Amino acid sequence: MNKKIVGLILILCGVIVFGSCKPKQSAYKSVYEAAKERETEDDAVNVQEEVFTPSYYNSSETIRKEKITPVYDSDASGLKGYSVVIAAMGMKPNAESLKQRMQDEGYSIILARNESGMYRVIIASCDTKDEALARKNQILSNFYSQGDVDELRAKYGIPFNDWWILQRTY
């Protein structure tokens, strides 16, 4: 008789334990599905076509200052006081790959490295800030006349709305 009571208690405990999980799972599932539905609705409402507007000549544009050195001696003579940076990369092979893709398109690219070890992929280097800003806008205009922003990103692997001017410090 003692074994029967222990058995019944164990069965009763099992029913309570396993029976109580189902409503919790169901409650979590319904909350999860409701959240997913809201997320989908929000995405549908907030979908907007990304349109890039080049930052035309703006003499008050923020200039980043860094001490940089050319990665290759052959780039030293082309590296001037103000540079148009198209990408900043932590790994040299990635920077070299982008340099090669851009050179294949006819651009003269300079690789430089800052004191933190980041590689700067430079598409133009000028003596003055105004020259660098004008060159940046000219090159961007040329790129955007080639086509869609997404196609350009896929082709070159860089975001064209994140170019910046670097002032070289010594």
Protein backbone atom coordinates (compact mmCIF):
# COMPACT_ATOMS: atom_id res chain seq x y z
CA MET A 1 0.00 0.00 0.00
CA ASN A 2 2.88 2.31 0.78
CA LYS A 3 4.26 1.81 -2.74
CA LYS A 4 0.85 2.64 -4.23
CA ILE A 5 0.69 5.96 -2.34
CA VAL A 6 4.27 6.89 -3.33
CA GLY A 7 3.46 5.96 -6.93
CA LEU A 8 0.28 8.05 -6.95
CA ILE A 9 2.15 10.99 -5.44
CA LEU A 10 4.86 10.72 -8.07
CA ILE A 11 2.28 10.54 -10.86
CA LEU A 12 0.42 13.51 -9.40
CA CYS A 13 3.68 15.50 -9.15
CA GLY A 14 4.54 14.60 -12.72
CA VAL A 15 1.14 15.76 -13.96
CA ILE A 16 1.48 19.02 -12.06
CA VAL A 17 5.06 19.67 -13.24
CA PHE A 18 4.53 18.77 -16.88
CA GLY A 19 1.02 20.14 -17.02
CA SER A 20 2.08 23.55 -15.77
CA CYS A 21 4.71 23.99 -18.52
CA LYS A 22 2.24 23.89 -21.35
CA PRO A 23 0.33 27.05 -20.45
CA LYS A 24 3.62 28.92 -19.90
CA GLN A 25 4.95 27.80 -23.29
CA SER A 26 1.69 28.80 -24.88
CA ALA A 27 1.78 32.20 -23.20
CA TYR A 28 5.38 32.80 -24.28
CA LYS A 29 4.59 31.67 -27.79
CA SER A 30 1.65 34.05 -28.13
CA VAL A 31 3.69 36.99 -26.79
CA TYR A 32 6.55 36.11 -29.17
CA GLU A 33 4.24 35.87 -32.17
CA ALA A 34 2.58 39.19 -31.28
CA ALA A 35 5.99 40.86 -31.00
CA LYS A 36 7.10 39.42 -34.33
CA GLU A 37 3.89 40.66 -35.96
CA ARG A 38 4.43 44.19 -34.57
CA GLU A 39 8.04 44.11 -35.77
CA THR A 40 6.92 43.12 -39.26
CA GLU A 41 4.30 45.88 -39.27
CA ASP A 42 6.89 48.43 -38.06
CA ASP A 43 9.29 47.33 -40.80
CA ALA A 44 6.57 47.70 -43.41
CA VAL A 45 5.71 51.19 -42.16
CA ASN A 46 9.32 52.35 -41.80
CA VAL A 47 10.66 51.05 -45.09
CA GLN A 48 12.08 53.97 -46.97
CA GLU A 49 14.28 53.97 -49.99
CA GLU A 50 17.77 55.05 -49.02
CA VAL A 51 18.73 58.09 -50.99
CA PHE A 52 22.24 59.44 -50.74
CA THR A 53 22.72 63.14 -51.03
CA PRO A 54 26.37 63.96 -51.52
CA SER A 55 27.73 66.47 -49.06
CA TYR A 56 28.51 69.21 -51.50
CA TYR A 57 31.26 71.64 -50.78
CA ASN A 58 30.97 72.66 -47.19
CA SER A 59 33.92 74.53 -45.75
CA SER A 60 32.69 73.81 -42.21
CA GLU A 61 32.75 70.01 -42.71
CA THR A 62 34.39 68.19 -39.83
CA ILE A 63 37.98 67.21 -40.47
CA ARG A 64 39.58 64.33 -38.58
CA LYS A 65 43.18 64.79 -37.56
CA GLU A 66 45.57 61.85 -37.35
CA LYS A 67 49.22 61.06 -37.59
CA ILE A 68 49.47 58.69 -40.54
CA THR A 69 52.31 57.12 -42.46
CA PRO A 70 52.19 55.60 -45.93
CA VAL A 71 52.13 51.79 -45.97
CA TYR A 72 54.27 51.70 -49.12
CA ASP A 73 57.24 53.94 -49.85
CA SER A 74 55.87 54.49 -53.36
CA ASP A 75 52.84 56.26 -51.81
CA ALA A 76 54.89 58.68 -49.70
CA SER A 77 55.17 61.39 -52.36
CA GLY A 78 51.40 61.36 -53.00
CA LEU A 79 50.39 61.71 -49.36
CA LYS A 80 49.73 65.37 -48.61
CA GLY A 81 48.18 67.42 -45.82
CA TYR A 82 44.49 66.62 -46.49
CA SER A 83 43.19 63.31 -47.77
CA VAL A 84 39.83 61.90 -48.86
CA VAL A 85 39.38 58.64 -46.96
CA ILE A 86 36.96 56.14 -48.48
CA ALA A 87 37.45 53.35 -45.94
CA ALA A 88 39.11 52.59 -42.62
CA MET A 89 40.09 48.97 -42.11
CA GLY A 90 41.75 47.01 -39.36
CA MET A 91 43.29 44.35 -41.58
CA LYS A 92 45.89 45.06 -44.24
CA PRO A 93 44.67 42.39 -46.73
CA ASN A 94 41.21 43.98 -46.78
CA ALA A 95 42.68 47.42 -47.39
CA GLU A 96 44.92 46.07 -50.15
CA SER A 97 41.97 44.32 -51.78
CA LEU A 98 39.95 47.55 -51.87
CA LYS A 99 43.00 49.42 -53.17
CA GLN A 100 43.31 46.93 -56.02
CA ARG A 101 39.59 47.13 -56.94
CA MET A 102 39.74 50.92 -57.03
CA GLN A 103 42.99 50.93 -59.02
CA ASP A 104 41.34 48.59 -61.53
CA GLU A 105 38.76 51.37 -62.00
CA GLY A 106 41.51 53.89 -62.73
CA TYR A 107 41.90 55.57 -59.35
CA SER A 108 45.27 56.22 -57.74
CA ILE A 109 44.86 54.86 -54.20
CA ILE A 110 47.15 55.43 -51.24
CA LEU A 111 47.23 53.17 -48.19
CA ALA A 112 48.20 54.83 -44.93
CA ARG A 113 48.29 53.56 -41.37
CA ASN A 114 47.54 55.56 -38.24
CA GLU A 115 49.13 55.19 -34.80
CA SER A 116 46.36 52.78 -33.70
CA GLY A 117 47.15 50.41 -36.55
CA MET A 118 44.08 51.22 -38.65
CA TYR A 119 44.53 51.35 -42.40
CA ARG A 120 43.17 54.36 -44.26
CA VAL A 121 42.25 53.84 -47.91
CA ILE A 122 42.77 57.23 -49.53
CA ILE A 123 41.38 58.10 -52.96
CA ALA A 124 42.78 61.64 -53.17
CA SER A 125 45.31 63.71 -51.26
CA CYS A 126 45.58 67.49 -51.52
CA ASP A 127 47.51 70.38 -50.05
CA THR A 128 44.50 72.27 -48.66
CA LYS A 129 41.21 71.47 -46.98
CA ASP A 130 39.22 73.24 -49.72
CA GLU A 131 40.95 71.23 -52.45
CA ALA A 132 40.24 67.98 -50.59
CA LEU A 133 36.55 68.85 -50.12
CA ALA A 134 36.18 69.78 -53.79
CA ARG A 135 37.95 66.58 -54.88
CA LYS A 136 35.76 64.46 -52.59
CA ASN A 137 32.58 65.92 -54.07
CA GLN A 138 33.87 65.59 -57.63
CA ILE A 139 34.73 61.91 -57.18
CA LEU A 140 31.43 61.16 -55.43
CA SER A 141 29.51 62.85 -58.23
CA ASN A 142 31.35 60.68 -60.76
CA PHE A 143 30.45 57.54 -58.82
CA TYR A 144 26.81 58.48 -58.42
CA SER A 145 26.45 59.16 -62.09
CA GLN A 146 27.34 55.46 -62.61
CA GLY A 147 24.19 54.11 -60.99
CA ASP A 148 22.29 52.95 -57.95
CA VAL A 149 23.78 53.21 -54.45
CA ASP A 150 23.20 49.53 -53.68
CA GLU A 151 24.89 48.48 -56.93
CA LEU A 152 27.88 50.67 -56.08
CA ARG A 153 28.13 49.16 -52.59
CA ALA A 154 27.98 45.66 -54.04
CA LYS A 155 30.58 46.46 -56.71
CA TYR A 156 33.11 48.21 -54.48
CA GLY A 157 32.23 46.93 -51.02
CA ILE A 158 32.23 50.37 -49.36
CA PRO A 159 29.50 52.74 -48.18
CA PHE A 160 29.68 55.86 -50.29
CA ASN A 161 27.98 58.03 -47.68
CA ASP A 162 30.82 57.61 -45.19
CA TRP A 163 33.75 59.28 -46.91
CA TRP A 164 35.63 61.82 -44.84
CA ILE A 165 38.53 64.25 -44.87
CA LEU A 166 41.67 63.46 -42.91
CA GLN A 167 44.15 66.15 -41.93
CA ARG A 168 47.60 64.65 -41.57
CA THR A 169 49.47 65.62 -38.45
CA TYR A 170 53.17 65.05 -37.91
